[in-house]
Amino acid sequence: MSPRTAGRQLPHPALGRVMNSVLRFAGLIAIAAATSGIAAVPAASQAASPTWYDQGFNGALDLAGEHEQRLLVYFWMPGSAHCTNLWTETLGHDAERDRLAQFVCFSADVTQTEGGQLAQRYGVQTLPTLLFIGHHGEADDAVVGYVPQAQFDREVDRVVADQQTVAQLRRLAFASPKDLARRFDLGIKLAFVGERVASERVFAHIRREDPEGRTIGGAKILLRDAADRVRAEASDPDDPSTWDLSGVAATVCALHPPEVVFQGWDWIAGTEENRGNGTAARAAFERAWPHLAAANQPLWPANVAATYWRMQAELTETDQTFLQAKLEEVYGPVHDQWSGRQDANSAPAGQRETAARQIGALAQGWFLAGRRDAALAAGDLAGRLAPDNGEIQSLVQALRAGN
């Protein structure tokens, strides 16, 4: 068992973009309620360290059960920069004490016997990993790799609220046994937290119920299986440049639910971009776009605009025209609404940031299509809406600089 120490591992190839919203979740460590059997986790700085249970995993699990709390297991390795950063910048921060106190916590150094055995038991392959474990020892949620403090806060709050945890997804799936999409979400989450046998049982059930992929859940299984075959047949399963995506493309063409068709083309586009094939990536984005409404991803066009921006040196006039037209279609009304608002600064920060991202994307589309004055005006509007957003401000500067 050799866990990786390079931060977040790439998700399963069929899941990266397909299940992006499903697989972002949280975790962390907490202060044990007991006053005995605790010790500080090794860290770069001990000054702000919460306390950790130190009498073995089984004892920590028992303590969590006694106090009706989840157990948080922190899998780490000495010398890992990502583990050190997670601890010093997030876990060891004074501001996190209250959140961490909602759990019993346990440190699992994977270079030690018990930590290594636990990593193998729970299928941990990336360090750091933070695993939420229920009273019966089953993984309920996780956070994989380094996460900044703000994201950590959101994820912990979500897990405490029992949102998108294994327990909640299992309840939803069992409450609607005919809803294969809910079953699929459960299977994905089980796989992500290391419960691979249970995950495969869920997927096998979906295959039996919908072998042709007529439902959303059945279609997602077909897409996932097609991606599995791509990796299995590649000369190097971990190197996307060796993948033959024709089988996935054929599967996507045969799918019915527009939401999954969108996800399939979007995954192909992302894979092609990652391996440097911009032409194929843009072709896949174009095939995904007609199904955007079914996907309910309002910021996806902004992500596409950012991709085209990175590829601007190789864009054709057709690419530029296509992007401009699509961005005007989805974000033009947003631009018109906010450019005419007199009370924009009093709107909630989250609304302003979302609008800024969308208007900034529209500015990119106009810039690439040669409409520089309109692009600069839209960029300035985006900058005013999100003055503290570094990404937006960088875009504004790039527009002004002409690159």
Protein backbone atom coordinates (compact mmCIF):
# COMPACT_ATOMS: atom_id res chain seq x y z
CA MET A 1 0.00 0.00 0.00
CA SER A 2 1.72 3.19 -1.18
CA PRO A 3 -0.60 6.18 -0.80
CA ARG A 4 0.15 9.06 -3.10
CA THR A 5 1.40 12.29 -1.58
CA ALA A 6 0.84 14.62 -4.49
CA GLY A 7 -2.49 16.05 -3.34
CA ARG A 8 -5.79 15.29 -5.04
CA GLN A 9 -5.60 12.35 -7.39
CA LEU A 10 -7.51 12.67 -10.65
CA PRO A 11 -11.01 11.21 -10.24
CA HIS A 12 -12.12 8.13 -12.08
CA PRO A 13 -12.03 9.09 -15.79
CA ALA A 14 -15.79 8.75 -16.13
CA LEU A 15 -16.36 10.83 -13.03
CA GLY A 16 -14.07 13.82 -13.16
CA ARG A 17 -16.38 16.19 -14.98
CA VAL A 18 -19.37 13.83 -14.98
CA MET A 19 -19.72 13.82 -11.21
CA ASN A 20 -17.89 16.99 -10.34
CA SER A 21 -20.70 18.32 -8.18
CA VAL A 22 -21.34 14.99 -6.48
CA LEU A 23 -17.81 14.23 -5.38
CA ARG A 24 -16.76 17.44 -3.66
CA PHE A 25 -17.01 16.87 0.00
CA ALA A 26 -15.48 17.39 3.29
CA GLY A 27 -14.07 16.29 6.46
CA LEU A 28 -11.77 17.00 9.20
CA ILE A 29 -10.57 16.34 12.55
CA ALA A 30 -12.05 17.25 15.85
CA ILE A 31 -11.35 17.55 19.52
CA ALA A 32 -12.15 14.41 21.46
CA ALA A 33 -14.58 14.91 24.31
CA ALA A 34 -12.59 12.77 26.65
CA THR A 35 -9.68 14.15 28.66
CA SER A 36 -7.59 10.99 28.67
CA GLY A 37 -5.84 9.15 25.87
CA ILE A 38 -5.18 12.23 23.78
CA ALA A 39 -2.09 13.61 22.12
CA ALA A 40 -1.13 16.30 19.66
CA VAL A 41 -0.84 15.37 16.00
CA PRO A 42 2.67 15.98 14.64
CA ALA A 43 2.66 19.24 12.78
CA ALA A 44 4.88 22.06 11.68
CA SER A 45 3.54 24.13 14.57
CA GLN A 46 2.02 22.84 17.80
CA ALA A 47 0.83 26.20 19.06
CA ALA A 48 -2.73 25.94 17.76
CA SER A 49 -3.07 22.17 17.69
CA PRO A 50 -6.40 20.65 18.66
CA THR A 51 -6.19 17.47 20.69
CA TRP A 52 -6.45 14.02 19.18
CA TYR A 53 -7.39 10.62 20.58
CA ASP A 54 -4.26 8.49 20.94
CA GLN A 55 -5.33 5.09 22.27
CA GLY A 56 -5.87 3.27 19.00
CA PHE A 57 -8.52 3.32 16.29
CA ASN A 58 -10.97 1.02 18.04
CA GLY A 59 -10.87 3.17 21.15
CA ALA A 60 -11.49 6.29 19.09
CA LEU A 61 -14.42 4.62 17.35
CA ASP A 62 -15.90 3.56 20.69
CA LEU A 63 -15.52 7.09 22.04
CA ALA A 64 -17.28 8.53 19.00
CA GLY A 65 -20.14 6.10 19.56
CA GLU A 66 -20.41 7.04 23.24
CA HIS A 67 -20.71 10.71 22.36
CA GLU A 68 -22.87 10.13 19.25
CA GLN A 69 -20.32 11.83 17.05
CA ARG A 70 -18.62 10.91 13.81
CA LEU A 71 -15.02 9.80 13.95
CA LEU A 72 -12.62 11.83 11.80
CA VAL A 73 -9.50 9.97 10.70
CA TYR A 74 -6.64 12.03 9.30
CA PHE A 75 -4.43 9.94 6.99
CA TRP A 76 -1.03 11.57 6.55
CA MET A 77 2.66 10.93 6.05
CA PRO A 78 5.66 12.68 7.60
CA GLY A 79 7.54 14.82 5.11
CA SER A 80 4.57 15.32 2.76
CA ALA A 81 4.28 19.00 1.83
CA HIS A 82 0.55 18.60 1.15
CA CYS A 83 -0.06 17.07 4.56
CA THR A 84 1.95 19.79 6.25
CA ASN A 85 0.11 22.53 4.38
CA LEU A 86 -3.29 21.05 5.19
CA TRP A 87 -2.39 20.97 8.85
CA THR A 88 -0.72 24.34 9.20
CA GLU A 89 -3.11 26.31 6.98
CA THR A 90 -6.40 24.60 7.81
CA LEU A 91 -6.54 21.89 10.47
CA GLY A 92 -4.30 23.62 12.95
CA HIS A 93 -5.92 27.03 12.55
CA ASP A 94 -7.42 28.51 15.73
CA ALA A 95 -10.58 29.48 13.83
CA GLU A 96 -11.35 25.79 13.19
CA ARG A 97 -11.46 24.66 16.83
CA ASP A 98 -15.25 24.86 17.13
CA ARG A 99 -15.82 22.95 13.91
CA LEU A 100 -13.34 20.26 14.82
CA ALA A 101 -14.89 19.86 18.26
CA GLN A 102 -17.96 18.37 16.61
CA PHE A 103 -16.03 15.14 15.99
CA VAL A 104 -13.81 12.65 17.71
CA CYS A 105 -10.54 12.63 15.81
CA PHE A 106 -7.77 10.14 15.20
CA SER A 107 -4.41 10.55 13.52
CA ALA A 108 -3.36 7.79 11.12
CA ASP A 109 0.29 8.07 10.12
CA VAL A 110 0.42 5.63 7.20
CA THR A 111 4.11 4.90 7.81
CA GLN A 112 3.14 3.27 11.11
CA THR A 113 1.57 -0.19 11.39
CA GLU A 114 -1.94 0.79 12.43
CA GLY A 115 -2.12 3.77 10.09
CA GLY A 116 -0.97 1.70 7.13
CA GLN A 117 -3.50 -1.04 7.92
CA LEU A 118 -6.31 1.51 8.20
CA ALA A 119 -5.31 3.09 4.88
CA GLN A 120 -5.48 -0.32 3.23
CA ARG A 121 -8.78 -1.16 4.93
CA TYR A 122 -10.44 2.04 3.72
CA GLY A 123 -8.80 2.13 0.31
CA VAL A 124 -6.91 5.38 0.89
CA GLN A 125 -4.69 6.13 -2.12
CA THR A 126 -4.05 9.85 -1.78
CA LEU A 127 -2.49 11.84 1.04
CA PRO A 128 -3.70 13.71 2.88
CA THR A 129 -7.12 12.11 3.19
CA LEU A 130 -9.67 12.90 5.87
CA LEU A 131 -12.31 10.27 6.40
CA PHE A 132 -15.60 10.63 8.29
CA ILE A 133 -16.54 7.30 9.85
CA GLY A 134 -19.90 6.34 11.36
CA HIS A 135 -20.48 4.49 14.61
CA HIS A 136 -20.29 1.07 12.95
CA GLY A 137 -16.94 1.74 11.32
CA GLU A 138 -18.31 2.47 7.84
CA ALA A 139 -16.92 5.42 5.87
CA ASP A 140 -19.57 8.10 5.48
CA ASP A 141 -17.70 10.91 3.74
CA ALA A 142 -14.22 12.17 2.95
CA VAL A 143 -12.06 15.01 1.78
CA VAL A 144 -9.13 14.08 -0.43
CA GLY A 145 -6.03 16.18 -0.84
CA TYR A 146 -5.26 19.68 0.37
CA VAL A 147 -8.20 22.09 0.73
CA PRO A 148 -8.03 25.76 1.78
CA GLN A 149 -9.76 26.92 4.92
CA ALA A 150 -12.87 28.38 3.28
CA GLN A 151 -13.57 25.17 1.37
CA PHE A 152 -12.92 23.15 4.49
CA ASP A 153 -15.50 25.19 6.39
CA ARG A 154 -18.13 24.60 3.71
CA GLU A 155 -17.46 20.90 3.56
CA VAL A 156 -17.51 20.33 7.31
CA ASP A 157 -20.75 22.29 7.63
CA ARG A 158 -22.26 20.17 4.86
CA VAL A 159 -21.28 16.92 6.49
CA VAL A 160 -22.52 18.03 9.90
CA ALA A 161 -25.82 18.84 8.19
CA ASP A 162 -25.76 15.32 6.66
CA GLN A 163 -25.88 16.58 3.09
CA GLN A 164 -24.56 14.29 0.31
CA THR A 165 -23.07 11.85 2.80
CA VAL A 166 -23.22 8.10 2.27
CA ALA A 167 -25.89 7.88 4.96
CA GLN A 168 -28.10 10.48 3.31
CA LEU A 169 -27.63 9.11 -0.20
CA ARG A 170 -28.47 5.62 1.05
CA ARG A 171 -31.68 6.89 2.62
CA LEU A 172 -32.65 8.68 -0.59
CA ALA A 173 -31.91 5.61 -2.72
CA PHE A 174 -33.88 3.25 -0.51
CA ALA A 175 -36.80 5.69 -0.29
CA SER A 176 -37.07 5.67 -4.12
CA PRO A 177 -35.93 2.20 -5.23
CA LYS A 178 -36.91 2.85 -8.87
CA ASP A 179 -34.80 6.00 -9.08
CA LEU A 180 -31.58 4.65 -10.57
CA ALA A 181 -29.98 8.10 -10.63
CA ARG A 182 -30.08 8.15 -6.85
CA ARG A 183 -28.61 4.66 -6.79
CA PHE A 184 -25.81 5.82 -9.05
CA ASP A 185 -25.02 8.77 -6.78
CA LEU A 186 -24.83 6.35 -3.85
CA GLY A 187 -22.52 4.02 -5.78
CA ILE A 188 -20.21 6.87 -6.73
CA LYS A 189 -19.99 8.11 -3.17
CA LEU A 190 -19.33 4.61 -1.84
CA ALA A 191 -16.49 4.20 -4.33
CA PHE A 192 -15.03 7.55 -3.40
CA VAL A 193 -14.88 6.75 0.32
CA GLY A 194 -13.27 3.36 -0.37
CA GLU A 195 -16.32 1.11 -0.06
CA ARG A 196 -15.67 -0.43 -3.47
CA VAL A 197 -17.39 -3.77 -2.93
CA ALA A 198 -20.58 -2.06 -1.81
CA SER A 199 -20.24 0.38 -4.70
CA GLU A 200 -20.00 -2.41 -7.27
CA ARG A 201 -23.09 -4.06 -5.84
CA VAL A 202 -25.01 -0.84 -6.41
CA PHE A 203 -23.70 -0.52 -9.97
CA ALA A 204 -24.52 -4.17 -10.72
CA HIS A 205 -28.11 -3.55 -9.61
CA ILE A 206 -28.38 -0.58 -12.01
CA ARG A 207 -27.00 -2.64 -14.90
CA ARG A 208 -29.62 -5.33 -14.29
CA GLU A 209 -32.47 -2.83 -14.06
CA ASP A 210 -31.50 -0.73 -17.09
CA PRO A 211 -29.04 -2.48 -19.38
CA GLU A 212 -29.80 -0.13 -22.30
CA GLY A 213 -29.24 3.09 -20.36
CA ARG A 214 -32.69 4.56 -20.85
CA THR A 215 -32.68 6.23 -17.42
CA ILE A 216 -30.19 8.75 -16.11
CA GLY A 217 -28.70 6.20 -13.72
CA GLY A 218 -28.46 3.53 -16.40
CA ALA A 219 -26.90 5.95 -18.89
CA LYS A 220 -24.30 7.04 -16.36
CA ILE A 221 -23.34 3.43 -15.77
CA LEU A 222 -22.86 2.89 -19.52
CA LEU A 223 -20.68 6.00 -19.68
CA ARG A 224 -18.67 4.90 -16.67
CA ASP A 225 -18.16 1.42 -18.10
CA ALA A 226 -17.05 2.86 -21.44
CA ALA A 227 -14.44 4.97 -19.68
CA ASP A 228 -13.29 1.91 -17.72
CA ARG A 229 -12.73 0.06 -20.97
CA VAL A 230 -10.69 2.96 -22.35
CA ARG A 231 -8.30 2.74 -19.44
CA ALA A 232 -8.20 -1.05 -19.41
CA GLU A 233 -7.28 -1.22 -23.09
CA ALA A 234 -4.69 1.59 -22.99
CA SER A 235 -0.98 0.85 -22.98
CA ASP A 236 -0.71 3.11 -19.93
CA PRO A 237 -4.04 3.42 -18.08
CA ASP A 238 -2.82 6.46 -16.14
CA ASP A 239 -1.66 8.39 -19.22
CA PRO A 240 -4.59 10.02 -21.09
CA SER A 241 -2.42 10.45 -24.19
CA THR A 242 -2.63 6.67 -24.70
CA TRP A 243 -6.42 6.51 -24.46
CA ASP A 244 -8.60 5.78 -27.47
CA LEU A 245 -11.74 7.84 -26.84
CA SER A 246 -13.67 6.58 -29.85
CA GLY A 247 -15.51 4.00 -27.75
CA VAL A 248 -16.64 6.63 -25.25
CA ALA A 249 -17.77 8.91 -28.09
CA ALA A 250 -19.79 6.06 -29.61
CA THR A 251 -21.40 5.38 -26.25
CA VAL A 252 -22.31 9.06 -25.80
CA CYS A 253 -23.87 9.17 -29.25
CA ALA A 254 -26.12 6.26 -28.30
CA LEU A 255 -27.22 7.69 -24.95
CA HIS A 256 -30.70 9.13 -24.44
CA PRO A 257 -30.87 11.34 -21.32
CA PRO A 258 -29.59 14.78 -22.40
CA GLU A 259 -28.01 15.39 -18.99
CA VAL A 260 -25.73 12.40 -19.46
CA VAL A 261 -25.05 13.21 -23.11
CA PHE A 262 -23.84 16.61 -21.92
CA GLN A 263 -21.65 15.03 -19.25
CA GLY A 264 -20.14 12.60 -21.72
CA TRP A 265 -19.14 15.25 -24.27
CA ASP A 266 -17.89 17.51 -21.52
CA TRP A 267 -15.69 14.72 -20.15
CA ILE A 268 -14.31 14.02 -23.63
CA ALA A 269 -13.62 17.75 -24.08
CA GLY A 270 -11.75 17.94 -20.79
CA THR A 271 -9.71 14.85 -21.60
CA GLU A 272 -8.79 16.16 -25.04
CA GLU A 273 -7.78 19.50 -23.56
CA ASN A 274 -5.62 17.78 -20.95
CA ARG A 275 -3.72 15.91 -23.64
CA GLY A 276 -3.22 18.99 -25.78
CA ASN A 277 -5.74 18.32 -28.52
CA GLY A 278 -7.48 21.68 -28.66
CA THR A 279 -9.33 21.05 -31.91
CA ALA A 280 -10.95 17.87 -30.58
CA ALA A 281 -11.70 19.56 -27.26
CA ARG A 282 -13.54 22.42 -28.93
CA ALA A 283 -15.49 19.99 -31.13
CA ALA A 284 -16.63 18.10 -28.02
CA PHE A 285 -17.61 21.34 -26.24
CA GLU A 286 -19.75 22.25 -29.25
CA ARG A 287 -21.50 18.87 -29.06
CA ALA A 288 -22.13 19.32 -25.33
CA TRP A 289 -23.61 22.80 -25.65
CA PRO A 290 -27.09 21.85 -27.01
CA HIS A 291 -27.66 19.77 -23.86
CA LEU A 292 -26.57 22.45 -21.39
CA ALA A 293 -30.10 23.26 -20.21
CA ALA A 294 -30.61 19.69 -18.99
CA ALA A 295 -27.32 19.75 -17.09
CA ASN A 296 -28.21 22.78 -14.95
CA GLN A 297 -24.66 24.12 -14.78
CA PRO A 298 -24.91 27.91 -15.02
CA LEU A 299 -21.15 28.46 -14.75
CA TRP A 300 -20.15 25.82 -17.30
CA PRO A 301 -20.07 28.35 -20.18
CA ALA A 302 -17.67 30.46 -18.09
CA ASN A 303 -15.38 27.46 -17.75
CA VAL A 304 -15.55 26.88 -21.50
CA ALA A 305 -14.74 30.54 -22.14
CA ALA A 306 -11.68 30.20 -19.91
CA THR A 307 -10.62 27.15 -21.93
CA TYR A 308 -10.99 28.99 -25.23
CA TRP A 309 -9.06 31.90 -23.71
CA ARG A 310 -6.14 29.60 -22.99
CA MET A 311 -6.36 28.31 -26.58
CA GLN A 312 -6.77 31.72 -28.21
CA ALA A 313 -3.64 31.40 -30.35
CA GLU A 314 -5.16 28.44 -32.20
CA LEU A 315 -8.79 29.56 -32.50
CA THR A 316 -10.35 29.82 -35.93
CA GLU A 317 -12.83 32.52 -36.87
CA THR A 318 -15.54 29.87 -36.65
CA ASP A 319 -14.49 29.06 -33.08
CA GLN A 320 -14.60 32.74 -32.14
CA THR A 321 -18.01 33.30 -33.69
CA PHE A 322 -19.46 30.19 -32.08
CA LEU A 323 -18.23 31.12 -28.61
CA GLN A 324 -19.42 34.70 -28.86
CA ALA A 325 -22.90 33.63 -29.97
CA LYS A 326 -23.28 31.05 -27.21
CA LEU A 327 -22.01 33.37 -24.48
CA GLU A 328 -24.30 36.17 -25.62
CA GLU A 329 -27.19 33.72 -25.53
CA VAL A 330 -26.63 32.62 -21.92
CA TYR A 331 -24.86 35.60 -20.33
CA GLY A 332 -26.08 38.55 -22.40
CA PRO A 333 -29.19 38.94 -20.20
CA VAL A 334 -27.01 38.77 -17.10
CA HIS A 335 -24.81 41.56 -18.45
CA ASP A 336 -27.82 43.73 -19.31
CA GLN A 337 -29.37 43.19 -15.89
CA TRP A 338 -26.29 44.12 -13.88
CA SER A 339 -25.12 46.96 -16.08
CA GLY A 340 -28.44 48.68 -15.42
CA ARG A 341 -28.62 48.07 -11.68
CA GLN A 342 -28.17 51.10 -9.49
CA ASP A 343 -28.02 48.99 -6.31
CA ALA A 344 -25.47 46.45 -7.54
CA ASN A 345 -23.11 47.02 -4.62
CA SER A 346 -25.85 46.22 -2.12
CA ALA A 347 -26.57 42.81 -3.65
CA PRO A 348 -25.33 39.73 -1.76
CA ALA A 349 -21.66 39.01 -2.35
CA GLY A 350 -22.37 35.52 -3.72
CA GLN A 351 -24.73 36.90 -6.36
CA ARG A 352 -22.22 39.54 -7.39
CA GLU A 353 -19.38 37.02 -7.68
CA THR A 354 -21.46 34.66 -9.82
CA ALA A 355 -22.55 37.52 -12.06
CA ALA A 356 -18.95 38.72 -12.29
CA ARG A 357 -17.78 35.31 -13.48
CA GLN A 358 -20.52 35.17 -16.10
CA ILE A 359 -19.97 38.72 -17.33
CA GLY A 360 -16.21 38.16 -17.33
CA ALA A 361 -16.72 35.13 -19.57
CA LEU A 362 -18.84 37.23 -21.91
CA ALA A 363 -16.00 39.76 -21.98
CA GLN A 364 -13.61 37.00 -22.99
CA GLY A 365 -15.92 35.93 -25.81
CA TRP A 366 -16.22 39.49 -27.10
CA PHE A 367 -12.47 40.02 -26.87
CA LEU A 368 -11.71 36.84 -28.82
CA ALA A 369 -14.24 37.86 -31.48
CA GLY A 370 -12.54 41.23 -31.91
CA ARG A 371 -15.06 43.35 -29.97
CA ARG A 372 -12.40 44.91 -27.74
CA ASP A 373 -14.33 47.97 -26.53
CA ALA A 374 -17.33 45.88 -25.49
CA ALA A 375 -14.98 43.38 -23.86
CA LEU A 376 -13.21 46.06 -21.81
CA ALA A 377 -16.50 47.56 -20.66
CA ALA A 378 -17.84 44.15 -19.62
CA GLY A 379 -14.57 43.32 -17.89
CA ASP A 380 -14.70 46.56 -15.92
CA LEU A 381 -18.26 45.75 -14.86
CA ALA A 382 -17.18 42.30 -13.69
CA GLY A 383 -14.30 43.87 -11.78
CA ARG A 384 -16.61 46.31 -10.00
CA LEU A 385 -18.97 43.51 -9.00
CA ALA A 386 -16.17 41.39 -7.48
CA PRO A 387 -13.41 43.78 -6.37
CA ASP A 388 -11.90 41.25 -3.98
CA ASN A 389 -11.89 38.28 -6.36
CA GLY A 390 -8.32 37.79 -7.55
CA GLU A 391 -9.33 35.67 -10.53
CA ILE A 392 -11.73 38.31 -11.83
CA GLN A 393 -9.25 41.12 -11.26
CA SER A 394 -6.57 39.17 -13.14
CA LEU A 395 -8.96 38.78 -16.06
CA VAL A 396 -9.66 42.50 -16.07
CA GLN A 397 -5.94 43.22 -16.19
CA ALA A 398 -5.47 40.71 -19.03
CA LEU A 399 -8.25 42.35 -21.05
CA ARG A 400 -6.71 45.78 -20.54
CA ALA A 401 -3.31 44.46 -21.54
CA GLY A 402 -4.75 42.91 -24.66
CA ASN A 403 -3.83 39.33 -23.78
